[in-house]
Amino acid sequence: MDDLSQLPSPDSPAEALAAVVALRRLADRLEAEAVDHAIAGGWSWQQIADALDITRQGAHKRHAARRRAAGRPEEDR
């Protein structure tokens, strides 16, 4: 996942910045889906936080409201 050879060159700022935006959106979507699967699998907010290398509070803040808005429980246990 560290191969940057397929990404636009920073010499083309418009293309490079558009790629950054697209990658952030993709990463956010992947993270949200992974968190949903982790919660469904019985993971705690602490386990999720550890996997994301953030605090438990940060993980909860980032995802609990999104889960509630989507009609999903904060925990599936």
Protein backbone atom coordinates (compact mmCIF):
# COMPACT_ATOMS: atom_id res chain seq x y z
CA MET A 1 0.00 0.00 0.00
CA ASP A 2 3.02 2.28 -0.03
CA ASP A 3 3.48 2.24 -3.80
CA LEU A 4 2.90 5.80 -4.95
CA SER A 5 4.04 5.23 -8.52
CA GLN A 6 0.45 5.19 -9.82
CA LEU A 7 -0.49 8.51 -8.24
CA PRO A 8 -0.34 11.84 -10.05
CA SER A 9 2.91 13.76 -9.79
CA PRO A 10 3.05 16.60 -7.27
CA ASP A 11 4.34 18.60 -10.24
CA SER A 12 0.71 18.75 -11.40
CA PRO A 13 -0.95 20.34 -8.34
CA ALA A 14 -4.53 20.15 -9.60
CA GLU A 15 -4.27 16.44 -10.35
CA ALA A 16 -2.32 15.66 -7.19
CA LEU A 17 -4.75 17.54 -4.95
CA ALA A 18 -7.75 15.93 -6.63
CA ALA A 19 -6.13 12.56 -5.93
CA VAL A 20 -5.66 13.53 -2.27
CA VAL A 21 -9.36 14.36 -1.97
CA ALA A 22 -10.37 11.09 -3.64
CA LEU A 23 -8.04 9.07 -1.41
CA ARG A 24 -9.37 10.77 1.75
CA ARG A 25 -12.95 9.99 0.75
CA LEU A 26 -12.03 6.40 0.01
CA ALA A 27 -10.15 6.06 3.30
CA ASP A 28 -13.09 7.55 5.24
CA ARG A 29 -15.51 5.13 3.58
CA LEU A 30 -13.22 2.15 4.22
CA GLU A 31 -12.78 3.17 7.86
CA ALA A 32 -16.54 3.56 8.39
CA GLU A 33 -17.25 0.14 6.90
CA ALA A 34 -14.45 -1.48 8.91
CA VAL A 35 -15.75 0.08 12.13
CA ASP A 36 -19.28 -1.11 11.36
CA HIS A 37 -17.99 -4.66 10.82
CA ALA A 38 -15.86 -4.48 13.96
CA ILE A 39 -18.83 -3.35 16.07
CA ALA A 40 -20.99 -6.10 14.54
CA GLY A 41 -18.20 -8.54 15.37
CA GLY A 42 -18.25 -7.56 19.03
CA TRP A 43 -15.24 -5.26 19.11
CA SER A 44 -15.13 -2.61 21.81
CA TRP A 45 -14.49 1.05 21.09
CA GLN A 46 -11.10 0.54 22.76
CA GLN A 47 -10.18 -2.26 20.35
CA ILE A 48 -11.26 -0.12 17.40
CA ALA A 49 -9.29 2.84 18.74
CA ASP A 50 -6.19 0.70 19.20
CA ALA A 51 -6.46 -0.58 15.61
CA LEU A 52 -6.86 2.99 14.30
CA ASP A 53 -4.08 4.31 16.57
CA ILE A 54 -6.39 6.91 18.13
CA THR A 55 -8.03 7.30 21.53
CA ARG A 56 -11.22 5.47 22.49
CA GLN A 57 -12.95 8.82 22.80
CA GLY A 58 -11.72 9.81 19.33
CA ALA A 59 -13.02 6.60 17.78
CA HIS A 60 -16.37 6.98 19.48
CA LYS A 61 -16.66 10.65 18.54
CA ARG A 62 -15.77 9.92 14.92
CA HIS A 63 -18.19 7.03 14.43
CA ALA A 64 -20.95 6.85 17.05
CA ALA A 65 -22.98 9.78 15.69
CA ARG A 66 -22.66 8.45 12.14
CA ARG A 67 -23.87 5.05 13.29
CA ARG A 68 -26.82 6.56 15.16
CA ALA A 69 -27.79 8.68 12.14
CA ALA A 70 -27.75 5.52 10.00
CA GLY A 71 -30.01 3.76 12.51
CA ARG A 72 -27.27 1.46 13.76
CA PRO A 73 -26.69 0.88 17.46
CA GLU A 74 -23.47 2.19 18.98
CA GLU A 75 -22.74 -1.39 19.98
CA ASP A 76 -24.16 -4.60 18.59
CA ARG A 77 -23.56 -6.58 21.75
